[in-house]
Amino acid sequence: MPWRRRRSRVSALEGGQEEEAPPEAAAVPSAPLTSPQQTEEAAERILLRGIFEIGRGSCDVVLSERALRWRPILPERPAGDSKHDWLCKEEFIELKDVFSVKLKRRCSVKQQRSGTLLGITLFICLKKEQNKLKNSTLDLINLSEDHCDIWFRQFKKILAGSTNVLAHSLHGVPHVVTATLHIIMGHVQLVDVCTFSSTGKLLRFGFSAMFGFGGRALALAEKYRWMSPNQRRDFAVIKALAKLKPEDCEISFLPFNTSDDVQERREQGSPKCDCNDQWQMIQGQFLNVSIMAIPCLCSVAPRGLAPNTRLNNGSMALIIAQNTSRSEFIKHLKRYASVKNQFNFPFVETYTVEEVKVHPRNNTSGYNPEEEDETASENGFPWNVDGDLMEVSSEVHIRLHPRLISLYGGSMEEMIPKS
């Protein structure tokens, strides 16, 4: 990793008297650094700029979309001082190597609440050898609560990564400036929302869910959070494919009724017409089950995980991949990154639905006890709900609530020809 001249991670304030943050700590974003050896830096959009103590020295710190850069702040020296030029050499880390961020505080042994704020700690994944990784940390010291909170929230947004399918579906990109422009211009978009419940108990709200391969891959990724987001995702997908196996389950669903009269009553909260509620059921061995209330555009699926679904049409996409060979399933996954129809396979079925019930029929632990399974949990089967891990041991009931919330953004109605 291109991280130059590693300094001591020990905080400059540890063991010393705490001081107030300097006024410069609240500096607003300004022009990018113009280091001659960094040709791409000028084109990078700067998100934040401020002052932190790094390794016992004050530094001018710049956060862009791909990297964190800092340069020591030193008194002016006579021109041509080579030592001064060396000390001012810029250092940086790539954000793809940061796997976690926390607020750094000083706490006493008996202190129950959070102690005095010291700054922010970044947890970094470094390549030790060709196939080995190790952990490291970088402390950004600043006593300003507001200043650290702004930087902390920005880091969390960046580390959230590709799981923000809602922002992609609303704006086309997970872009802070784009979202701000929608707010300024007053663009309001109604969005459908799903509820996830089990045994009559509400578990959470959400927009998309995957059971089977999607859930197992996320469960694997959660066990390797010390890796960077991209490395963790790629590693989990490869490992889940290596141990690919179907889930034995029963799926019940209520098909979407396109009748204008019925749809209008449902949007107004009127009782459903029982004559139109004809539940259907399929059962068998399934590699993956996806339920999507929004298109779920993301970096790995430019057309969306459910390209035929809209943000507020009152329906969900139910996508079922039946048991097939590993090679065929990989072809299906690769199609998401292209303009070709990812559902044009004999083992893939798609439905437009209003409600879905997924009932696993395996043993209660969610795996075969005779086989090693790193995704197994005593809490149940792993679900991927909007990029968050949800473990449920029994049937999950997903119900759509049309136009439940209003968000700033616009509908991404991309006209892409089907293959």
Protein backbone atom coordinates (compact mmCIF):
# COMPACT_ATOMS: atom_id res chain seq x y z
CA MET A 1 0.00 0.00 0.00
CA PRO A 2 1.40 3.43 -0.93
CA TRP A 3 1.71 4.72 2.62
CA ARG A 4 4.90 6.68 3.05
CA ARG A 5 6.94 7.40 6.19
CA ARG A 6 4.75 5.78 8.85
CA ARG A 7 4.69 7.84 12.04
CA SER A 8 4.06 6.76 15.61
CA ARG A 9 0.40 5.96 16.29
CA VAL A 10 0.72 7.18 19.90
CA SER A 11 -1.43 10.27 20.38
CA ALA A 12 0.42 13.52 20.93
CA LEU A 13 -1.94 14.36 23.78
CA GLU A 14 -1.54 11.13 25.73
CA GLY A 15 0.14 11.85 29.06
CA GLY A 16 0.02 15.60 28.43
CA GLN A 17 -2.36 18.43 29.09
CA GLU A 18 -5.38 18.70 26.82
CA GLU A 19 -5.84 21.90 24.87
CA GLU A 20 -8.64 23.38 22.86
CA ALA A 21 -8.64 22.75 19.12
CA PRO A 22 -7.08 25.58 17.10
CA PRO A 23 -9.43 27.78 15.04
CA GLU A 24 -8.01 26.30 11.85
CA ALA A 25 -9.51 22.92 12.79
CA ALA A 26 -12.87 24.03 11.49
CA ALA A 27 -11.53 24.98 8.09
CA VAL A 28 -13.89 24.43 5.20
CA PRO A 29 -12.99 22.46 2.06
CA SER A 30 -10.69 24.41 -0.22
CA ALA A 31 -8.64 23.87 -3.35
CA PRO A 32 -6.82 20.55 -3.74
CA LEU A 33 -3.16 20.15 -2.94
CA THR A 34 -1.01 20.77 -6.00
CA SER A 35 1.81 18.31 -5.54
CA PRO A 36 3.65 18.00 -8.86
CA GLN A 37 4.06 14.23 -8.55
CA GLN A 38 0.31 13.67 -8.07
CA THR A 39 -1.20 14.31 -11.51
CA GLU A 40 -4.53 12.67 -10.73
CA GLU A 41 -5.02 14.54 -7.47
CA ALA A 42 -6.24 17.74 -9.08
CA ALA A 43 -9.11 15.87 -10.71
CA GLU A 44 -10.19 14.26 -7.42
CA ARG A 45 -13.12 15.91 -5.70
CA ILE A 46 -12.23 17.07 -2.19
CA LEU A 47 -14.80 16.26 0.47
CA LEU A 48 -13.22 17.78 3.59
CA ARG A 49 -10.11 19.69 4.59
CA GLY A 50 -8.91 20.54 8.08
CA ILE A 51 -6.14 20.27 10.67
CA PHE A 52 -5.33 17.22 12.81
CA GLU A 53 -2.36 16.12 14.85
CA ILE A 54 -0.77 13.02 13.31
CA GLY A 55 2.24 11.46 15.00
CA ARG A 56 2.89 14.41 17.37
CA GLY A 57 2.75 17.01 14.63
CA SER A 58 0.04 19.30 13.21
CA CYS A 59 -0.90 18.40 9.65
CA ASP A 60 -3.00 19.83 6.86
CA VAL A 61 -5.36 16.91 6.11
CA VAL A 62 -7.40 16.49 2.94
CA LEU A 63 -10.12 13.85 2.43
CA SER A 64 -11.08 13.03 -1.15
CA GLU A 65 -13.29 10.31 -2.58
CA ARG A 66 -10.41 7.83 -2.88
CA ALA A 67 -7.67 8.85 -0.46
CA LEU A 68 -6.72 10.64 2.74
CA ARG A 69 -3.69 12.91 2.35
CA TRP A 70 -1.74 14.93 4.91
CA ARG A 71 1.25 17.25 4.96
CA PRO A 72 3.07 18.55 8.08
CA ILE A 73 2.54 22.20 8.96
CA LEU A 74 6.01 23.66 9.63
CA PRO A 75 7.40 27.18 10.04
CA GLU A 76 8.81 28.80 6.96
CA ARG A 77 12.49 28.04 6.32
CA PRO A 78 15.02 29.73 4.01
CA ALA A 79 14.61 28.79 0.38
CA GLY A 80 16.49 25.74 -0.74
CA ASP A 81 16.43 23.98 2.63
CA SER A 82 16.42 20.35 1.51
CA LYS A 83 15.66 19.11 5.03
CA HIS A 84 12.57 21.30 5.14
CA ASP A 85 11.40 19.95 1.77
CA TRP A 86 11.79 16.37 2.99
CA LEU A 87 9.83 17.01 6.19
CA CYS A 88 6.97 18.54 4.20
CA LYS A 89 6.66 15.52 1.97
CA GLU A 90 3.02 14.53 1.56
CA GLU A 91 1.78 11.19 2.87
CA PHE A 92 -1.44 9.41 2.01
CA ILE A 93 -3.51 6.25 2.43
CA GLU A 94 -6.09 4.88 0.02
CA LEU A 95 -9.60 4.64 1.45
CA LYS A 96 -10.09 1.19 -0.06
CA ASP A 97 -7.62 -0.07 2.56
CA VAL A 98 -9.59 1.43 5.50
CA PHE A 99 -11.95 -1.14 6.98
CA SER A 100 -13.25 0.66 10.09
CA VAL A 101 -13.33 4.07 11.80
CA LYS A 102 -14.02 5.00 15.42
CA LEU A 103 -14.04 8.11 17.57
CA LYS A 104 -11.01 8.06 19.88
CA ARG A 105 -11.71 8.97 23.53
CA ARG A 106 -9.79 8.96 26.81
CA CYS A 107 -11.70 7.03 29.47
CA SER A 108 -10.83 6.25 33.09
CA VAL A 109 -11.24 2.76 34.52
CA LYS A 110 -14.43 3.53 36.47
CA GLN A 111 -15.92 5.87 33.90
CA GLN A 112 -19.24 4.65 32.53
CA ARG A 113 -19.89 7.28 29.88
CA SER A 114 -17.65 8.17 26.96
CA GLY A 115 -14.57 10.10 28.03
CA THR A 116 -12.82 13.16 26.62
CA LEU A 117 -12.72 13.21 22.84
CA LEU A 118 -9.23 12.91 21.40
CA GLY A 119 -9.99 12.50 17.71
CA ILE A 120 -10.58 9.75 15.14
CA THR A 121 -8.87 6.39 14.66
CA LEU A 122 -8.75 4.71 11.24
CA PHE A 123 -8.20 0.95 11.10
CA ILE A 124 -6.19 0.02 8.03
CA CYS A 125 -5.45 -3.25 6.28
CA LEU A 126 -1.80 -3.47 5.15
CA LYS A 127 -0.28 -6.07 2.85
CA LYS A 128 2.46 -7.79 4.82
CA GLU A 129 3.46 -10.40 2.27
CA GLN A 130 2.02 -11.64 -0.99
CA ASN A 131 -0.84 -13.55 0.62
CA LYS A 132 -0.87 -12.09 4.14
CA LEU A 133 -2.54 -9.02 5.60
CA LYS A 134 -2.07 -7.22 8.92
CA ASN A 135 -3.89 -4.51 10.83
CA SER A 136 -2.61 -0.99 11.48
CA THR A 137 -4.09 2.25 12.79
CA LEU A 138 -3.84 5.96 12.09
CA ASP A 139 -4.86 8.49 14.77
CA LEU A 140 -6.23 11.88 13.70
CA ILE A 141 -6.08 13.96 16.89
CA ASN A 142 -8.40 16.95 17.35
CA LEU A 143 -10.36 17.99 20.46
CA SER A 144 -13.22 19.66 18.57
CA GLU A 145 -16.39 17.58 18.95
CA ASP A 146 -18.12 19.21 15.96
CA HIS A 147 -15.07 18.96 13.72
CA CYS A 148 -14.50 15.28 14.49
CA ASP A 149 -18.20 14.49 14.11
CA ILE A 150 -18.25 15.92 10.56
CA TRP A 151 -15.19 13.93 9.55
CA PHE A 152 -16.44 10.79 11.30
CA ARG A 153 -19.79 10.89 9.48
CA GLN A 154 -18.06 11.43 6.14
CA PHE A 155 -15.77 8.45 6.74
CA LYS A 156 -18.79 6.28 7.61
CA LYS A 157 -20.55 7.32 4.40
CA ILE A 158 -17.50 6.37 2.33
CA LEU A 159 -17.02 3.04 4.11
CA ALA A 160 -20.69 2.18 3.55
CA GLY A 161 -19.60 1.52 -0.02
CA SER A 162 -21.69 -0.29 -2.62
CA THR A 163 -24.52 -1.40 -0.32
CA ASN A 164 -26.34 1.92 -0.62
CA VAL A 165 -28.72 0.76 -3.34
CA LEU A 166 -31.35 3.31 -2.31
CA ALA A 167 -29.09 6.30 -3.08
CA HIS A 168 -28.10 4.70 -6.40
CA SER A 169 -31.73 4.08 -7.33
CA LEU A 170 -32.77 7.63 -6.38
CA HIS A 171 -29.85 9.60 -7.83
CA GLY A 172 -28.03 7.23 -10.17
CA VAL A 173 -24.92 7.52 -7.97
CA PRO A 174 -24.31 7.64 -4.17
CA HIS A 175 -23.18 11.24 -4.55
CA VAL A 176 -23.49 13.76 -1.69
CA VAL A 177 -23.54 16.78 -4.00
CA THR A 178 -26.23 15.22 -6.21
CA ALA A 179 -28.40 14.54 -3.17
CA THR A 180 -27.88 18.15 -2.00
CA LEU A 181 -28.99 19.50 -5.38
CA HIS A 182 -32.19 17.42 -5.22
CA ILE A 183 -32.90 18.92 -1.79
CA ILE A 184 -32.23 22.48 -2.98
CA MET A 185 -34.45 22.02 -6.05
CA GLY A 186 -37.20 20.39 -4.00
CA HIS A 187 -37.35 17.11 -5.90
CA VAL A 188 -39.45 14.76 -3.77
CA GLN A 189 -39.91 11.10 -4.70
CA LEU A 190 -42.39 8.69 -3.10
CA VAL A 191 -40.79 5.31 -2.40
CA ASP A 192 -42.24 1.87 -1.61
CA VAL A 193 -41.02 0.23 1.61
CA CYS A 194 -41.08 -3.38 2.80
CA THR A 195 -41.64 -4.75 6.28
CA PHE A 196 -39.85 -7.93 7.36
CA SER A 197 -41.54 -9.93 10.10
CA SER A 198 -41.32 -13.40 11.62
CA THR A 199 -43.85 -15.21 13.83
CA GLY A 200 -45.95 -12.06 13.89
CA LYS A 201 -43.08 -9.85 15.14
CA LEU A 202 -41.76 -6.95 13.09
CA LEU A 203 -38.04 -7.33 12.44
CA ARG A 204 -37.24 -4.26 10.37
CA PHE A 205 -38.11 -2.04 7.42
CA GLY A 206 -36.18 -2.30 4.18
CA PHE A 207 -36.09 -2.08 0.42
CA SER A 208 -34.36 -5.28 -0.73
CA ALA A 209 -33.46 -8.72 0.59
CA MET A 210 -31.56 -11.82 -0.51
CA PHE A 211 -31.76 -15.30 0.95
CA GLY A 212 -29.43 -18.15 0.06
CA PHE A 213 -26.24 -17.18 -1.77
CA GLY A 214 -26.69 -13.46 -1.11
CA GLY A 215 -27.22 -14.00 2.60
CA ARG A 216 -24.37 -16.50 3.00
CA ALA A 217 -21.91 -14.24 1.16
CA LEU A 218 -22.75 -11.35 3.50
CA ALA A 219 -22.44 -13.58 6.57
CA LEU A 220 -18.97 -14.59 5.42
CA ALA A 221 -18.01 -10.96 4.80
CA GLU A 222 -19.07 -9.99 8.32
CA LYS A 223 -16.54 -12.45 9.74
CA TYR A 224 -13.69 -10.68 7.92
CA ARG A 225 -14.39 -7.04 8.74
CA TRP A 226 -10.69 -6.40 9.31
CA MET A 227 -10.29 -6.52 5.53
CA SER A 228 -10.99 -3.48 3.37
CA PRO A 229 -14.57 -3.32 1.95
CA ASN A 230 -13.60 -4.35 -1.59
CA GLN A 231 -11.31 -7.15 -0.45
CA ARG A 232 -13.93 -8.40 2.00
CA ARG A 233 -16.65 -8.43 -0.64
CA ASP A 234 -14.56 -10.23 -3.27
CA PHE A 235 -13.26 -12.77 -0.75
CA ALA A 236 -16.76 -13.55 0.56
CA VAL A 237 -18.24 -13.99 -2.92
CA ILE A 238 -15.46 -16.34 -4.02
CA LYS A 239 -15.69 -18.39 -0.84
CA ALA A 240 -19.51 -18.56 -1.03
CA LEU A 241 -19.25 -19.77 -4.63
CA ALA A 242 -16.70 -22.40 -3.61
CA LYS A 243 -19.18 -23.75 -1.03
CA LEU A 244 -22.26 -23.13 -3.17
CA LYS A 245 -25.25 -25.21 -2.13
CA PRO A 246 -29.02 -24.81 -2.43
CA GLU A 247 -31.50 -24.00 0.32
CA ASP A 248 -34.50 -26.30 0.73
CA CYS A 249 -37.41 -23.94 1.27
CA GLU A 250 -41.04 -23.18 0.54
CA ILE A 251 -41.96 -19.83 -1.02
CA SER A 252 -45.49 -18.43 -0.97
CA PHE A 253 -46.33 -15.19 -2.75
CA LEU A 254 -49.25 -12.99 -3.64
CA PRO A 255 -49.06 -11.93 -7.31
CA PHE A 256 -49.30 -8.24 -8.06
CA ASN A 257 -52.76 -7.24 -9.24
CA THR A 258 -52.58 -4.48 -11.86
CA SER A 259 -56.28 -3.63 -11.66
CA ASP A 260 -56.53 0.16 -11.40
CA ASP A 261 -59.50 0.00 -9.03
CA VAL A 262 -57.81 -2.48 -6.68
CA GLN A 263 -54.51 -0.60 -6.79
CA GLU A 264 -56.18 2.73 -6.02
CA ARG A 265 -57.96 1.29 -2.97
CA ARG A 266 -54.72 -0.23 -1.70
CA GLU A 267 -52.82 3.04 -2.04
CA GLN A 268 -55.58 4.75 -0.05
CA GLY A 269 -55.38 2.12 2.68
CA SER A 270 -58.72 0.45 1.89
CA PRO A 271 -59.27 -3.26 2.70
CA LYS A 272 -58.10 -5.72 0.11
CA CYS A 273 -60.48 -7.56 -2.14
CA ASP A 274 -60.27 -11.19 -1.01
CA CYS A 275 -61.42 -12.48 -4.37
CA ASN A 276 -58.23 -11.21 -5.99
CA ASP A 277 -55.87 -12.51 -3.31
CA GLN A 278 -54.81 -15.87 -4.74
CA TRP A 279 -51.62 -17.02 -3.03
CA GLN A 280 -49.25 -19.21 -5.00
CA MET A 281 -46.61 -21.55 -3.66
CA ILE A 282 -43.43 -23.11 -4.98
CA GLN A 283 -41.01 -25.36 -3.12
CA GLY A 284 -37.70 -26.99 -3.86
CA GLN A 285 -33.96 -26.39 -3.86
CA PHE A 286 -33.00 -22.74 -4.50
CA LEU A 287 -29.54 -21.20 -4.76
CA ASN A 288 -30.75 -17.65 -4.22
CA VAL A 289 -34.01 -15.82 -3.54
CA SER A 290 -34.20 -12.03 -4.06
CA ILE A 291 -37.08 -9.74 -3.08
CA MET A 292 -36.66 -6.16 -4.37
CA ALA A 293 -39.04 -3.21 -3.93
CA ILE A 294 -36.73 -0.80 -5.81
CA PRO A 295 -34.45 -1.27 -8.85
CA CYS A 296 -31.36 -1.55 -6.60
CA LEU A 297 -28.86 0.10 -8.91
CA CYS A 298 -25.29 -0.28 -7.70
CA SER A 299 -21.72 -0.36 -8.95
CA VAL A 300 -21.82 -4.12 -9.61
CA ALA A 301 -25.24 -3.95 -11.34
CA PRO A 302 -25.56 -0.76 -13.43
CA ARG A 303 -29.03 -1.78 -14.66
CA GLY A 304 -30.06 -2.79 -11.17
CA LEU A 305 -30.58 -6.07 -9.34
CA ALA A 306 -34.25 -5.74 -10.30
CA PRO A 307 -34.28 -3.56 -13.45
CA ASN A 308 -38.00 -4.04 -14.14
CA THR A 309 -39.05 -2.67 -10.73
CA ARG A 310 -39.74 1.00 -10.02
CA LEU A 311 -39.49 3.08 -6.87
CA ASN A 312 -43.21 3.54 -6.29
CA ASN A 313 -45.31 1.23 -8.46
CA GLY A 314 -46.64 -0.78 -5.51
CA SER A 315 -44.95 -4.05 -6.46
CA MET A 316 -41.89 -6.13 -5.64
CA ALA A 317 -39.70 -8.30 -7.83
CA LEU A 318 -39.34 -11.90 -6.67
CA ILE A 319 -36.31 -13.48 -8.36
CA ILE A 320 -35.60 -17.16 -7.76
CA ALA A 321 -32.49 -19.01 -8.91
CA GLN A 322 -33.16 -22.75 -8.75
CA ASN A 323 -30.49 -25.35 -8.18
CA THR A 324 -28.03 -25.57 -11.06
CA SER A 325 -24.33 -26.04 -11.69
CA ARG A 326 -21.81 -23.60 -10.25
CA SER A 327 -20.68 -22.53 -13.73
CA GLU A 328 -24.22 -21.68 -14.83
CA PHE A 329 -24.92 -19.75 -11.64
CA ILE A 330 -21.71 -17.73 -12.14
CA LYS A 331 -22.85 -16.86 -15.68
CA HIS A 332 -26.09 -15.57 -14.16
CA LEU A 333 -24.18 -13.39 -11.69
CA LYS A 334 -21.86 -12.01 -14.37
CA ARG A 335 -24.85 -10.86 -16.41
CA TYR A 336 -25.69 -8.26 -13.74
CA ALA A 337 -22.62 -6.25 -14.79
CA SER A 338 -23.62 -6.20 -18.47
CA VAL A 339 -26.55 -4.96 -20.52
CA LYS A 340 -27.71 -8.51 -21.24
CA ASN A 341 -30.77 -9.99 -19.58
CA GLN A 342 -29.54 -11.64 -16.38
CA PHE A 343 -32.79 -13.59 -16.06
CA ASN A 344 -32.56 -15.30 -19.45
CA PHE A 345 -31.62 -18.67 -17.95
CA PRO A 346 -33.86 -21.74 -17.60
CA PHE A 347 -33.15 -21.98 -13.85
CA VAL A 348 -34.12 -18.35 -13.10
CA GLU A 349 -37.74 -17.39 -12.47
CA THR A 350 -39.11 -13.89 -11.94
CA TYR A 351 -42.45 -12.80 -10.48
CA THR A 352 -44.11 -9.45 -9.75
CA VAL A 353 -45.62 -9.72 -6.28
CA GLU A 354 -47.12 -7.82 -3.35
CA GLU A 355 -46.27 -10.16 -0.49
CA VAL A 356 -43.80 -13.02 -0.03
CA LYS A 357 -43.30 -15.67 2.65
CA VAL A 358 -40.04 -17.63 2.69
CA HIS A 359 -40.08 -20.74 4.87
CA PRO A 360 -36.76 -22.69 5.09
CA ARG A 361 -37.28 -26.43 5.42
CA ASN A 362 -33.73 -27.34 6.49
CA ASN A 363 -32.88 -28.13 10.09
CA THR A 364 -33.31 -25.25 12.56
CA SER A 365 -29.62 -24.38 12.71
CA GLY A 366 -29.61 -23.56 9.01
CA TYR A 367 -26.91 -26.00 7.95
CA ASN A 368 -25.85 -29.63 7.89
CA PRO A 369 -24.06 -30.32 11.21
CA GLU A 370 -21.84 -32.88 9.48
CA GLU A 371 -20.40 -30.16 7.26
CA GLU A 372 -18.36 -27.14 8.26
CA ASP A 373 -20.27 -23.95 7.48
CA GLU A 374 -18.82 -20.57 8.43
CA THR A 375 -22.16 -18.84 7.79
CA ALA A 376 -24.04 -21.03 10.27
CA SER A 377 -25.38 -19.32 13.36
CA GLU A 378 -27.48 -20.35 16.31
CA ASN A 379 -29.68 -17.33 15.50
CA GLY A 380 -30.84 -18.87 12.24
CA PHE A 381 -30.47 -18.46 8.50
CA PRO A 382 -28.54 -15.44 7.15
CA TRP A 383 -30.46 -12.79 5.21
CA ASN A 384 -28.98 -9.83 3.33
CA VAL A 385 -31.36 -6.91 3.89
CA ASP A 386 -30.10 -3.71 2.25
CA GLY A 387 -26.53 -4.83 2.89
CA ASP A 388 -27.15 -5.58 6.59
CA LEU A 389 -27.03 -9.09 8.04
CA MET A 390 -30.30 -10.37 9.49
CA GLU A 391 -30.47 -13.85 11.01
CA VAL A 392 -33.87 -15.54 11.38
CA SER A 393 -34.55 -19.15 12.29
CA SER A 394 -38.13 -19.38 10.99
CA GLU A 395 -40.35 -18.11 8.20
CA VAL A 396 -39.90 -14.52 7.06
CA HIS A 397 -42.91 -12.54 5.81
CA ILE A 398 -42.13 -9.63 3.46
CA ARG A 399 -44.97 -7.21 2.80
CA LEU A 400 -44.93 -4.13 0.56
CA HIS A 401 -46.24 -0.75 1.71
CA PRO A 402 -46.76 1.44 -1.39
CA ARG A 403 -45.35 4.97 -1.30
CA LEU A 404 -44.81 4.84 2.44
CA ILE A 405 -42.06 7.47 2.62
CA SER A 406 -41.02 10.59 0.71
CA LEU A 407 -37.35 11.09 -0.10
CA TYR A 408 -35.40 13.74 -1.95
CA GLY A 409 -34.42 12.47 -5.37
CA GLY A 410 -35.73 11.47 -8.77
CA SER A 411 -36.80 8.27 -10.46
CA MET A 412 -34.06 6.70 -12.59
CA GLU A 413 -36.05 5.51 -15.59
CA GLU A 414 -33.21 4.35 -17.82
CA MET A 415 -34.36 3.05 -21.16
CA ILE A 416 -31.98 0.15 -21.73
CA PRO A 417 -32.90 -2.30 -24.50
CA LYS A 418 -33.41 -5.86 -23.41
CA SER A 419 -31.39 -8.60 -25.04
